[in-house]
Amino acid sequence: MSKNSDSKYMSLAINLAKKAQGMTNPNPVVGAVIVRNGKIIGKGYHSKAGLPHAEIEAIKNAKKPGNKISGSTLYITLEPCCHKNKMTPPCLDALLEEKFSRVVIGTLDKNPKVRGKSVRVLRSKGVDVLVGVLEDRCLKINEAFFKYITKKVPFVTLKLASTLDGKIATFSGDSKWIGSEAQRKHAHELRALSDAVLVGINTVKIDDPMLNVRLERKKVNQPVAIVLDTNLEIPLSSKLLSQRSGTIIFTSKKNKKMKKIKKLTELGFSVIETNLDESGFVDLNVVLKELGSRGIMSLLVEGGSKVASSFIKNGLVDKVMFFYSPKIVGGDGKSMIGQLGVREIKDSFRLKDIIINTLGNELMVEGYL
């Protein structure tokens, strides 16, 4: 099989995997394609935890009259699992049983239970294995899973929308609507890809957001709402309490609002008391560890400016998604990121692997810190 053919079929497997983004926690997204004599005979992807994995779905899809799986090539975005879990048997056994002659893998699994083990077994059984086809793309679609499985804390994406000069509100505090309807829809797409969405208490008091996903499709992931609320100021009438369930509130151990904590707990919300950091803010490292312990792999941070700067200063942002509307507010507007204490340009926080796109008349900047 040529290099171009390998890339073509792996690209198809990646697109299949993307269909389930945001729906497979605690598992990765995976796509698989089975090819025999230059013809695709089977396709599949992992759609939800507890359901068959991608390679199993592809094998089922390939079992049609006239098809022969033995001797075929399997394209899979992620190294097949070789360990048993509570819900599904190891996929490696099925690959050996079906007698694939060749297996092309996008990237190794960073899960310590798997990493490289399946490849070694396949090769020991005489299967031709190629690893690393379109690896960057295969790594990217599972960037949250890989961080979580190795560090047990969520992958953090900081999403902010501002004017062209970096303002999220005018001097009077007006902020509706900086972005377009298209940008707001894209923001809901980002939420759908995330296990949780986090804001600070000022955003709750000013905007009274729902932090949910409002998209016109049947299957959608509704992320958990997270609020950083040092002094436990969240109004009981806020939408996050009156119209949503499962909201998690992080507050200071020093606040004495025991009656309110009891009330919130009785209503079914989680109130987690933490120590404060040096700036008197809820300790974000504790926040991430707690969210990780709850199985949250991906966290979307939506603001406000103090929350954004705190995550950046503490080195906790993995990825940024900035949306710039073609509007100018001026120096008396409110900046989208608070004080970072950068004295010299050489000490500024820098992005890498930058991607710049347009959304109508707006700019989208994606990059990694």
Protein backbone atom coordinates (compact mmCIF):
# COMPACT_ATOMS: atom_id res chain seq x y z
CA MET A 1 0.00 0.00 0.00
CA SER A 2 1.40 3.43 -0.91
CA LYS A 3 2.02 6.23 1.55
CA ASN A 4 -0.71 8.31 -0.11
CA SER A 5 -3.21 5.48 0.26
CA ASP A 6 -2.32 5.05 3.93
CA SER A 7 -2.90 8.76 4.51
CA LYS A 8 -6.20 8.70 2.61
CA TYR A 9 -7.67 5.85 4.65
CA MET A 10 -6.34 7.20 7.94
CA SER A 11 -7.92 10.58 7.15
CA LEU A 12 -11.24 8.81 6.69
CA ALA A 13 -10.77 7.03 10.03
CA ILE A 14 -10.07 10.40 11.71
CA ASN A 15 -13.26 11.89 10.28
CA LEU A 16 -15.21 8.90 11.59
CA ALA A 17 -13.69 9.37 15.06
CA LYS A 18 -14.70 13.04 15.10
CA LYS A 19 -18.37 12.08 14.84
CA ALA A 20 -18.33 11.13 18.51
CA GLN A 21 -16.29 14.02 19.93
CA GLY A 22 -17.71 15.05 23.28
CA MET A 23 -19.68 11.80 23.66
CA THR A 24 -17.18 9.10 24.69
CA ASN A 25 -15.92 10.12 28.15
CA PRO A 26 -14.03 8.43 29.80
CA ASN A 27 -12.86 6.83 26.57
CA PRO A 28 -11.00 8.36 23.62
CA VAL A 29 -12.59 8.96 20.23
CA VAL A 30 -11.47 6.36 17.70
CA GLY A 31 -12.23 5.63 14.06
CA ALA A 32 -11.43 2.52 12.01
CA VAL A 33 -11.47 1.52 8.33
CA ILE A 34 -10.93 -1.95 6.85
CA VAL A 35 -9.47 -2.15 3.33
CA ARG A 36 -8.98 -5.21 1.10
CA ASN A 37 -7.46 -5.06 -2.38
CA GLY A 38 -7.87 -1.29 -2.49
CA LYS A 39 -11.55 -1.41 -1.54
CA ILE A 40 -13.14 -0.27 1.73
CA ILE A 41 -15.13 -3.17 3.13
CA GLY A 42 -15.80 -1.91 6.67
CA LYS A 43 -15.99 1.32 8.69
CA GLY A 44 -16.74 2.12 12.29
CA TYR A 45 -16.17 4.46 15.23
CA HIS A 46 -16.57 4.36 19.00
CA SER A 47 -19.79 6.27 19.68
CA LYS A 48 -20.18 6.04 23.46
CA ALA A 49 -18.57 4.51 26.54
CA GLY A 50 -19.92 1.00 27.06
CA LEU A 51 -20.62 0.46 23.36
CA PRO A 52 -18.29 -1.48 21.02
CA HIS A 53 -14.97 0.12 20.12
CA ALA A 54 -14.19 1.39 16.63
CA GLU A 55 -12.39 -1.71 15.34
CA ILE A 56 -15.21 -3.96 16.53
CA GLU A 57 -17.78 -1.76 14.76
CA ALA A 58 -15.67 -1.84 11.59
CA ILE A 59 -15.41 -5.65 11.75
CA LYS A 60 -19.19 -5.95 12.20
CA ASN A 61 -19.71 -3.58 9.27
CA ALA A 62 -17.34 -5.64 7.10
CA LYS A 63 -19.09 -8.95 7.73
CA LYS A 64 -21.27 -8.90 4.64
CA PRO A 65 -21.78 -11.53 1.92
CA GLY A 66 -18.79 -11.55 -0.41
CA ASN A 67 -16.39 -9.83 2.00
CA LYS A 68 -13.34 -11.53 3.44
CA ILE A 69 -11.66 -9.89 6.41
CA SER A 70 -8.72 -12.27 6.69
CA GLY A 71 -5.70 -10.73 4.95
CA SER A 72 -7.17 -7.22 5.01
CA THR A 73 -5.62 -3.99 6.30
CA LEU A 74 -7.08 -2.24 9.34
CA TYR A 75 -6.63 1.53 9.67
CA ILE A 76 -7.16 2.69 13.24
CA THR A 77 -6.58 6.17 14.68
CA LEU A 78 -5.43 4.84 18.07
CA GLU A 79 -3.54 1.75 19.15
CA PRO A 80 -6.05 -1.04 19.90
CA CYS A 81 -6.67 -1.77 23.56
CA CYS A 82 -5.16 -4.92 25.06
CA HIS A 83 -6.57 -4.72 28.58
CA LYS A 84 -9.91 -5.81 29.97
CA ASN A 85 -12.26 -3.30 31.51
CA LYS A 86 -15.72 -3.43 33.05
CA MET A 87 -17.61 -2.83 29.81
CA THR A 88 -15.71 -4.17 26.81
CA PRO A 89 -13.21 -6.98 26.08
CA PRO A 90 -9.76 -6.14 24.62
CA CYS A 91 -9.95 -5.31 20.91
CA LEU A 92 -6.54 -6.90 20.31
CA ASP A 93 -8.12 -10.37 20.63
CA ALA A 94 -10.61 -9.60 17.85
CA LEU A 95 -7.85 -8.35 15.53
CA LEU A 96 -5.90 -11.58 15.97
CA GLU A 97 -9.01 -13.70 15.53
CA GLU A 98 -9.91 -11.99 12.24
CA LYS A 99 -6.35 -12.51 10.93
CA PHE A 100 -5.59 -9.04 9.58
CA SER A 101 -2.37 -9.10 7.59
CA ARG A 102 -1.63 -5.41 8.20
CA VAL A 103 -2.59 -2.86 10.84
CA VAL A 104 -1.93 0.86 10.34
CA ILE A 105 -2.12 2.89 13.55
CA GLY A 106 -2.32 6.68 13.78
CA THR A 107 -0.74 6.96 17.21
CA LEU A 108 0.19 4.85 20.20
CA ASP A 109 -2.12 4.98 23.21
CA LYS A 110 -0.58 6.98 26.07
CA ASN A 111 -2.56 4.95 28.58
CA PRO A 112 0.15 3.11 30.60
CA LYS A 113 -1.99 -0.06 30.40
CA VAL A 114 -1.68 -0.08 26.62
CA ARG A 115 1.20 2.03 25.31
CA GLY A 116 3.02 -0.08 22.73
CA LYS A 117 1.89 -3.42 24.14
CA SER A 118 -0.69 -4.13 21.42
CA VAL A 119 1.83 -3.29 18.71
CA ARG A 120 4.37 -5.71 20.17
CA VAL A 121 1.80 -8.52 20.36
CA LEU A 122 0.60 -7.95 16.79
CA ARG A 123 4.16 -8.01 15.45
CA SER A 124 4.97 -11.14 17.45
CA LYS A 125 2.05 -12.84 15.67
CA GLY A 126 3.41 -11.91 12.26
CA VAL A 127 1.14 -8.93 11.56
CA ASP A 128 2.70 -6.06 9.59
CA VAL A 129 2.22 -2.98 11.78
CA LEU A 130 2.83 0.65 10.78
CA VAL A 131 2.58 3.37 13.45
CA GLY A 132 2.47 7.15 13.01
CA VAL A 133 0.36 7.82 9.90
CA LEU A 134 -1.16 11.33 10.27
CA GLU A 135 -0.02 11.16 13.87
CA ASP A 136 -0.39 14.89 14.62
CA ARG A 137 -4.06 14.78 13.65
CA CYS A 138 -4.65 11.59 15.59
CA LEU A 139 -3.03 13.10 18.68
CA LYS A 140 -5.09 16.29 18.40
CA ILE A 141 -8.51 14.63 18.36
CA ASN A 142 -7.63 12.96 21.68
CA GLU A 143 -5.57 15.70 23.30
CA ALA A 144 -7.93 15.86 26.30
CA PHE A 145 -7.94 12.09 26.81
CA PHE A 146 -4.14 11.87 26.64
CA LYS A 147 -3.65 14.57 29.27
CA TYR A 148 -6.26 13.09 31.55
CA ILE A 149 -5.03 9.50 31.29
CA THR A 150 -1.47 10.54 32.16
CA LYS A 151 -2.00 13.41 34.66
CA LYS A 152 -5.54 12.79 36.00
CA VAL A 153 -6.53 16.43 35.49
CA PRO A 154 -8.62 17.91 32.68
CA PHE A 155 -7.31 19.45 29.48
CA VAL A 156 -8.03 23.18 29.79
CA THR A 157 -9.19 25.32 26.87
CA LEU A 158 -9.53 29.06 27.46
CA LYS A 159 -12.23 30.50 25.20
CA LEU A 160 -12.70 34.27 25.04
CA ALA A 161 -14.56 36.61 22.69
CA SER A 162 -13.65 40.28 22.39
CA THR A 163 -13.54 43.31 20.17
CA LEU A 164 -10.60 43.74 17.83
CA ASP A 165 -8.80 45.73 20.53
CA GLY A 166 -9.29 42.99 23.13
CA LYS A 167 -12.24 44.35 25.10
CA ILE A 168 -15.11 42.29 26.47
CA ALA A 169 -17.26 45.23 27.59
CA THR A 170 -17.52 49.01 27.35
CA PHE A 171 -16.62 51.30 30.26
CA SER A 172 -20.29 51.13 31.34
CA GLY A 173 -20.17 47.33 31.46
CA ASP A 174 -22.26 46.69 28.34
CA SER A 175 -21.18 43.47 26.63
CA LYS A 176 -24.14 42.31 24.49
CA TRP A 177 -23.50 41.41 21.82
CA ILE A 178 -19.80 41.63 21.02
CA GLY A 179 -19.80 38.51 18.87
CA SER A 180 -22.10 37.47 16.05
CA GLU A 181 -24.75 34.76 16.06
CA ALA A 182 -22.34 32.55 14.09
CA GLN A 183 -19.70 32.99 16.80
CA ARG A 184 -22.17 32.17 19.55
CA LYS A 185 -23.19 29.01 17.70
CA HIS A 186 -19.53 28.02 17.41
CA ALA A 187 -19.18 28.60 21.16
CA HIS A 188 -21.97 26.09 21.73
CA GLU A 189 -20.09 23.62 19.53
CA LEU A 190 -17.07 24.05 21.80
CA ARG A 191 -19.23 23.43 24.85
CA ALA A 192 -20.57 20.26 23.26
CA LEU A 193 -16.98 19.00 22.98
CA SER A 194 -16.28 19.70 26.67
CA ASP A 195 -17.11 17.77 29.83
CA ALA A 196 -17.41 20.97 31.86
CA VAL A 197 -17.63 24.75 31.40
CA LEU A 198 -16.19 27.11 34.02
CA VAL A 199 -16.81 30.79 34.82
CA GLY A 200 -16.16 33.15 37.71
CA ILE A 201 -18.85 34.55 39.98
CA ASN A 202 -18.77 37.99 38.33
CA THR A 203 -19.82 36.44 35.03
CA VAL A 204 -22.70 34.73 36.84
CA LYS A 205 -23.85 37.95 38.49
CA ILE A 206 -23.53 40.10 35.35
CA ASP A 207 -24.59 37.74 32.55
CA ASP A 208 -26.59 35.06 34.42
CA PRO A 209 -25.51 32.38 31.89
CA MET A 210 -26.88 28.85 31.50
CA LEU A 211 -23.52 27.39 30.32
CA ASN A 212 -25.41 24.69 28.46
CA VAL A 213 -25.42 23.58 24.82
CA ARG A 214 -28.22 24.85 22.62
CA LEU A 215 -27.82 23.20 19.23
CA GLU A 216 -30.43 21.79 16.87
CA ARG A 217 -29.44 18.14 16.92
CA LYS A 218 -30.64 15.07 18.77
CA LYS A 219 -27.42 13.83 20.38
CA VAL A 220 -25.48 16.44 22.32
CA ASN A 221 -23.26 16.44 25.39
CA GLN A 222 -24.41 18.79 28.16
CA PRO A 223 -21.32 19.86 30.11
CA VAL A 224 -21.22 20.27 33.86
CA ALA A 225 -21.35 23.93 34.97
CA ILE A 226 -18.50 25.06 37.26
CA VAL A 227 -18.45 28.35 39.20
CA LEU A 228 -15.49 29.88 41.04
CA ASP A 229 -17.11 31.78 43.91
CA THR A 230 -14.66 32.67 46.67
CA ASN A 231 -17.21 34.38 48.94
CA LEU A 232 -20.21 32.21 47.94
CA GLU A 233 -22.14 35.08 46.39
CA ILE A 234 -24.05 33.06 43.79
CA PRO A 235 -27.74 34.08 43.83
CA LEU A 236 -30.15 31.21 44.41
CA SER A 237 -32.22 32.70 41.56
CA SER A 238 -29.38 32.37 39.02
CA LYS A 239 -30.07 30.15 36.02
CA LEU A 240 -27.20 27.84 36.99
CA LEU A 241 -29.19 26.97 40.12
CA SER A 242 -32.82 27.51 39.13
CA GLN A 243 -32.69 26.00 35.63
CA ARG A 244 -29.78 23.55 35.74
CA SER A 245 -28.78 20.56 37.85
CA GLY A 246 -25.36 19.33 38.88
CA THR A 247 -23.65 22.74 39.07
CA ILE A 248 -20.39 22.60 41.04
CA ILE A 249 -19.35 25.63 43.10
CA PHE A 250 -15.83 26.16 44.44
CA THR A 251 -15.59 28.52 47.39
CA SER A 252 -13.24 29.49 50.21
CA LYS A 253 -12.90 27.45 53.38
CA LYS A 254 -12.89 30.78 55.20
CA ASN A 255 -16.43 31.81 54.32
CA LYS A 256 -18.94 31.28 57.13
CA LYS A 257 -22.08 30.91 55.04
CA MET A 258 -22.93 27.49 56.41
CA LYS A 259 -26.69 27.97 55.96
CA LYS A 260 -26.23 28.75 52.28
CA ILE A 261 -23.90 25.78 51.81
CA LYS A 262 -26.50 23.55 53.46
CA LYS A 263 -29.27 24.97 51.27
CA LEU A 264 -27.27 24.47 48.08
CA THR A 265 -26.37 20.94 49.09
CA GLU A 266 -30.02 20.14 49.86
CA LEU A 267 -30.92 21.38 46.37
CA GLY A 268 -28.48 18.87 44.90
CA PHE A 269 -25.54 21.13 44.06
CA SER A 270 -21.93 20.45 45.01
CA VAL A 271 -20.17 23.08 47.12
CA ILE A 272 -16.45 22.42 47.45
CA GLU A 273 -14.46 24.45 49.94
CA THR A 274 -10.78 25.04 49.13
CA ASN A 275 -7.83 27.01 50.41
CA LEU A 276 -7.02 30.28 48.67
CA ASP A 277 -3.90 30.96 46.65
CA GLU A 278 -1.47 33.87 47.23
CA SER A 279 -3.78 36.30 45.42
CA GLY A 280 -6.77 35.36 47.56
CA PHE A 281 -8.37 33.37 44.74
CA VAL A 282 -9.73 29.83 44.84
CA ASP A 283 -6.77 27.46 44.39
CA LEU A 284 -7.03 26.38 40.76
CA ASN A 285 -4.73 23.40 41.15
CA VAL A 286 -7.15 22.02 43.72
CA VAL A 287 -10.03 22.76 41.35
CA LEU A 288 -8.46 20.78 38.51
CA LYS A 289 -7.56 17.84 40.75
CA GLU A 290 -11.11 17.71 42.09
CA LEU A 291 -12.59 17.84 38.59
CA GLY A 292 -10.19 15.12 37.49
CA SER A 293 -11.31 12.92 40.37
CA ARG A 294 -14.86 13.32 39.07
CA GLY A 295 -13.87 12.03 35.63
CA ILE A 296 -13.89 15.39 33.86
CA MET A 297 -11.35 15.13 31.02
CA SER A 298 -11.94 18.43 29.22
CA LEU A 299 -12.65 21.84 30.73
CA LEU A 300 -13.74 24.93 28.80
CA VAL A 301 -12.96 28.16 30.66
CA GLU A 302 -15.15 31.03 29.47
CA GLY A 303 -14.19 33.88 31.78
CA GLY A 304 -14.22 36.51 33.03
CA SER A 305 -10.99 38.43 32.79
CA LYS A 306 -9.76 37.62 36.32
CA VAL A 307 -10.44 33.94 35.86
CA ALA A 308 -8.61 34.01 32.52
CA SER A 309 -5.54 35.71 33.96
CA SER A 310 -5.47 33.37 36.97
CA PHE A 311 -5.47 30.28 34.77
CA ILE A 312 -2.74 31.75 32.54
CA LYS A 313 -0.52 32.93 35.41
CA ASN A 314 -0.71 29.53 37.06
CA GLY A 315 0.32 27.78 33.84
CA LEU A 316 -2.91 25.80 33.68
CA VAL A 317 -4.11 26.67 30.17
CA ASP A 318 -3.36 24.08 27.52
CA LYS A 319 -5.12 25.70 24.59
CA VAL A 320 -6.74 29.03 23.74
CA MET A 321 -9.61 29.86 21.41
CA PHE A 322 -9.91 33.62 20.93
CA PHE A 323 -12.68 35.19 18.84
CA TYR A 324 -12.22 38.78 17.64
CA SER A 325 -15.18 40.82 16.43
CA PRO A 326 -14.45 43.72 14.00
CA LYS A 327 -15.37 46.36 16.57
CA ILE A 328 -13.28 48.87 18.54
CA VAL A 329 -14.19 49.97 22.06
CA GLY A 330 -11.07 51.82 23.24
CA GLY A 331 -8.86 51.97 26.30
CA ASP A 332 -11.68 52.62 28.75
CA GLY A 333 -13.27 49.27 27.90
CA LYS A 334 -12.77 46.14 29.98
CA SER A 335 -9.91 43.91 28.81
CA MET A 336 -10.61 40.22 28.15
CA ILE A 337 -7.62 39.16 30.27
CA GLY A 338 -6.79 40.67 33.65
CA GLN A 339 -3.37 41.60 35.00
CA LEU A 340 -0.58 39.11 34.35
CA GLY A 341 2.32 41.04 35.86
CA VAL A 342 4.40 40.94 32.68
CA ARG A 343 7.16 43.55 32.98
CA GLU A 344 9.05 42.92 29.74
CA ILE A 345 7.93 41.61 26.37
CA LYS A 346 10.43 38.76 26.59
CA ASP A 347 8.48 37.49 29.60
CA SER A 348 5.12 37.52 27.86
CA PHE A 349 3.07 34.36 27.50
CA ARG A 350 3.49 32.96 24.01
CA LEU A 351 1.38 30.75 21.80
CA LYS A 352 2.61 27.98 19.54
CA ASP A 353 1.05 25.89 16.77
CA ILE A 354 -1.22 28.80 15.91
CA ILE A 355 -4.18 28.42 13.56
CA ILE A 356 -6.03 31.52 12.32
CA ASN A 357 -9.41 31.22 10.65
CA THR A 358 -12.31 33.48 9.82
CA LEU A 359 -15.92 33.10 10.86
CA GLY A 360 -17.80 35.54 8.68
CA ASN A 361 -16.24 38.90 9.54
CA GLU A 362 -14.70 37.61 12.75
CA LEU A 363 -11.27 36.15 13.43
CA MET A 364 -10.62 32.91 15.32
CA VAL A 365 -7.18 32.35 16.80
CA GLU A 366 -6.34 28.91 18.15
CA GLY A 367 -3.05 28.04 19.78
CA TYR A 368 -1.30 26.27 22.64
CA LEU A 369 0.42 27.83 25.64
